[in-house]
N, C-alpha and C. Protein backbone atom coordinates (compact mmCIF):
# COMPACT_ATOMS: atom_id res chain seq x y z
N MET A 1 -1.36 10.77 2.50
CA MET A 1 -1.36 9.90 1.33
C MET A 1 -0.32 10.35 0.32
N ILE A 2 -0.15 11.65 0.12
CA ILE A 2 0.79 12.15 -0.89
C ILE A 2 2.22 11.74 -0.54
N ILE A 3 2.57 11.75 0.74
CA ILE A 3 3.91 11.33 1.15
C ILE A 3 4.10 9.85 0.88
N GLU A 4 3.09 9.06 1.20
CA GLU A 4 3.14 7.62 0.96
C GLU A 4 3.33 7.31 -0.54
N LEU A 5 2.62 8.03 -1.40
CA LEU A 5 2.77 7.83 -2.84
C LEU A 5 4.15 8.27 -3.32
N GLY A 6 4.70 9.30 -2.71
CA GLY A 6 6.06 9.72 -3.04
C GLY A 6 7.08 8.65 -2.69
N VAL A 7 6.87 7.97 -1.56
CA VAL A 7 7.75 6.87 -1.16
C VAL A 7 7.65 5.73 -2.16
N VAL A 8 6.43 5.39 -2.56
CA VAL A 8 6.22 4.33 -3.56
C VAL A 8 6.88 4.72 -4.88
N ALA A 9 6.71 5.96 -5.30
CA ALA A 9 7.34 6.43 -6.55
C ALA A 9 8.86 6.30 -6.45
N GLY A 10 9.41 6.57 -5.30
CA GLY A 10 10.85 6.41 -5.09
C GLY A 10 11.30 4.96 -5.24
N LYS A 11 10.50 4.04 -4.70
CA LYS A 11 10.81 2.61 -4.84
C LYS A 11 10.73 2.18 -6.30
N ILE A 12 9.73 2.68 -7.00
CA ILE A 12 9.59 2.37 -8.43
C ILE A 12 10.80 2.90 -9.19
N TRP A 13 11.18 4.13 -8.93
CA TRP A 13 12.31 4.77 -9.61
C TRP A 13 13.58 3.93 -9.41
N LYS A 14 13.85 3.57 -8.16
CA LYS A 14 15.05 2.79 -7.85
C LYS A 14 15.03 1.45 -8.58
N TYR A 15 13.90 0.78 -8.56
CA TYR A 15 13.80 -0.52 -9.23
C TYR A 15 14.03 -0.37 -10.74
N LEU A 16 13.45 0.66 -11.34
CA LEU A 16 13.62 0.86 -12.77
C LEU A 16 15.06 1.26 -13.13
N GLU A 17 15.73 2.00 -12.27
CA GLU A 17 17.13 2.33 -12.51
C GLU A 17 17.98 1.06 -12.58
N GLU A 18 17.66 0.10 -11.73
CA GLU A 18 18.43 -1.13 -11.66
C GLU A 18 18.03 -2.15 -12.73
N ASN A 19 16.79 -2.10 -13.21
CA ASN A 19 16.26 -3.14 -14.09
C ASN A 19 15.82 -2.66 -15.46
N LYS A 20 15.96 -1.38 -15.75
CA LYS A 20 15.63 -0.77 -17.04
C LYS A 20 14.15 -0.91 -17.39
N LYS A 21 13.80 -1.83 -18.31
CA LYS A 21 12.41 -2.01 -18.73
C LYS A 21 11.83 -3.26 -18.08
N VAL A 22 10.65 -3.13 -17.48
CA VAL A 22 10.01 -4.28 -16.84
C VAL A 22 8.52 -4.27 -17.14
N PRO A 23 7.90 -5.45 -17.23
CA PRO A 23 6.45 -5.51 -17.38
C PRO A 23 5.77 -4.91 -16.14
N LEU A 24 4.67 -4.25 -16.36
CA LEU A 24 3.92 -3.65 -15.25
C LEU A 24 3.55 -4.70 -14.20
N SER A 25 3.16 -5.89 -14.63
CA SER A 25 2.77 -6.94 -13.68
C SER A 25 3.94 -7.31 -12.76
N LYS A 26 5.15 -7.32 -13.30
CA LYS A 26 6.32 -7.63 -12.47
C LYS A 26 6.59 -6.48 -11.50
N LEU A 27 6.49 -5.25 -11.99
CA LEU A 27 6.71 -4.09 -11.13
C LEU A 27 5.75 -4.12 -9.94
N VAL A 28 4.50 -4.42 -10.20
CA VAL A 28 3.50 -4.49 -9.12
C VAL A 28 3.87 -5.57 -8.12
N SER A 29 4.40 -6.69 -8.60
CA SER A 29 4.71 -7.79 -7.69
C SER A 29 5.97 -7.55 -6.85
N VAL A 30 6.92 -6.75 -7.35
CA VAL A 30 8.17 -6.55 -6.60
C VAL A 30 8.15 -5.34 -5.67
N ILE A 31 7.29 -4.38 -5.92
CA ILE A 31 7.19 -3.23 -5.02
C ILE A 31 6.32 -3.65 -3.84
N ASN A 32 6.83 -3.44 -2.66
CA ASN A 32 6.20 -3.99 -1.46
C ASN A 32 5.04 -3.12 -0.95
N THR A 33 4.00 -3.05 -1.77
CA THR A 33 2.77 -2.35 -1.38
C THR A 33 1.65 -2.85 -2.29
N ASP A 34 0.44 -2.42 -2.03
CA ASP A 34 -0.68 -2.94 -2.84
C ASP A 34 -0.69 -2.33 -4.25
N ARG A 35 -1.36 -3.02 -5.16
CA ARG A 35 -1.39 -2.67 -6.58
C ARG A 35 -1.87 -1.23 -6.80
N ASP A 36 -2.91 -0.81 -6.10
CA ASP A 36 -3.45 0.53 -6.30
C ASP A 36 -2.41 1.61 -6.02
N ARG A 37 -1.65 1.45 -4.96
CA ARG A 37 -0.62 2.44 -4.63
C ARG A 37 0.51 2.43 -5.66
N VAL A 38 0.88 1.26 -6.15
CA VAL A 38 1.89 1.18 -7.20
C VAL A 38 1.40 1.92 -8.44
N LEU A 39 0.16 1.69 -8.81
CA LEU A 39 -0.39 2.35 -9.99
C LEU A 39 -0.49 3.86 -9.80
N MET A 40 -0.86 4.30 -8.60
CA MET A 40 -0.93 5.74 -8.34
C MET A 40 0.46 6.37 -8.37
N GLY A 41 1.44 5.72 -7.78
CA GLY A 41 2.81 6.22 -7.80
C GLY A 41 3.37 6.27 -9.21
N LEU A 42 3.10 5.23 -9.98
CA LEU A 42 3.56 5.19 -11.37
C LEU A 42 2.85 6.26 -12.20
N GLY A 43 1.56 6.43 -11.98
CA GLY A 43 0.82 7.47 -12.69
C GLY A 43 1.40 8.85 -12.42
N TRP A 44 1.78 9.09 -11.19
CA TRP A 44 2.40 10.35 -10.82
C TRP A 44 3.70 10.53 -11.61
N MET A 45 4.52 9.46 -11.66
CA MET A 45 5.79 9.53 -12.39
C MET A 45 5.58 9.77 -13.88
N VAL A 46 4.58 9.12 -14.46
CA VAL A 46 4.28 9.30 -15.89
C VAL A 46 3.81 10.73 -16.13
N ARG A 47 2.93 11.22 -15.29
CA ARG A 47 2.39 12.58 -15.43
C ARG A 47 3.49 13.63 -15.35
N GLU A 48 4.47 13.39 -14.49
CA GLU A 48 5.58 14.32 -14.31
C GLU A 48 6.67 14.14 -15.37
N GLY A 49 6.51 13.14 -16.24
CA GLY A 49 7.46 12.92 -17.32
C GLY A 49 8.68 12.12 -16.94
N HIS A 50 8.63 11.39 -15.82
CA HIS A 50 9.78 10.62 -15.37
C HIS A 50 9.75 9.16 -15.82
N ALA A 51 8.59 8.65 -16.16
CA ALA A 51 8.45 7.25 -16.55
C ALA A 51 7.66 7.15 -17.85
N ILE A 52 7.85 6.03 -18.53
CA ILE A 52 7.18 5.76 -19.80
C ILE A 52 6.45 4.43 -19.70
N LEU A 53 5.24 4.38 -20.22
CA LEU A 53 4.48 3.13 -20.36
C LEU A 53 4.34 2.83 -21.85
N GLU A 54 4.73 1.64 -22.25
CA GLU A 54 4.57 1.21 -23.64
C GLU A 54 3.76 -0.08 -23.63
N LYS A 55 2.77 -0.18 -24.50
CA LYS A 55 1.98 -1.40 -24.58
C LYS A 55 2.51 -2.28 -25.70
N THR A 56 2.91 -3.50 -25.34
CA THR A 56 3.39 -4.47 -26.33
C THR A 56 2.77 -5.82 -26.03
N ASP A 57 2.19 -6.42 -27.03
CA ASP A 57 1.59 -7.76 -26.90
C ASP A 57 0.64 -7.87 -25.70
N GLY A 58 -0.15 -6.84 -25.47
CA GLY A 58 -1.15 -6.87 -24.40
C GLY A 58 -0.60 -6.61 -23.01
N GLU A 59 0.68 -6.32 -22.90
CA GLU A 59 1.31 -6.06 -21.60
C GLU A 59 1.94 -4.67 -21.63
N TYR A 60 1.82 -3.95 -20.53
CA TYR A 60 2.49 -2.66 -20.43
C TYR A 60 3.93 -2.87 -19.95
N ILE A 61 4.86 -2.18 -20.60
CA ILE A 61 6.26 -2.19 -20.21
C ILE A 61 6.58 -0.82 -19.64
N VAL A 62 7.24 -0.80 -18.49
CA VAL A 62 7.54 0.43 -17.78
C VAL A 62 9.04 0.68 -17.81
N SER A 63 9.42 1.93 -18.03
CA SER A 63 10.83 2.31 -17.99
C SER A 63 10.93 3.77 -17.56
N LEU A 64 12.13 4.16 -17.17
CA LEU A 64 12.39 5.56 -16.88
C LEU A 64 12.61 6.31 -18.18
N ARG A 65 12.19 7.55 -18.21
CA ARG A 65 12.44 8.40 -19.37
C ARG A 65 13.89 8.85 -19.31
N LYS A 66 14.58 8.74 -20.42
CA LYS A 66 15.98 9.19 -20.49
C LYS A 66 15.99 10.71 -20.50
N THR A 67 16.88 11.28 -19.71
CA THR A 67 16.95 12.74 -19.65
C THR A 67 18.17 13.28 -20.35
C-alpha cells in the first residue's frame, strides 16, 4: 500500500507542477485512482510539507509548497 500511495503522490505532484493551484474536487477527478487513495497521497504530501491545503468559499484549494 505504501508504494501505491507514493505513486499517487507522484501523480499529484506532477499535476500540481503543471497546474499550480487546483480545487481538491478537480484533483480527485483528474488523478486516475479512487478518492480515498488521492486523499491519502495528498495527506502524506501535506504532512511532509510538500503540499498546501487552503479553504476558500467552502472548497479546498491544493498547491505545492514553494521551496
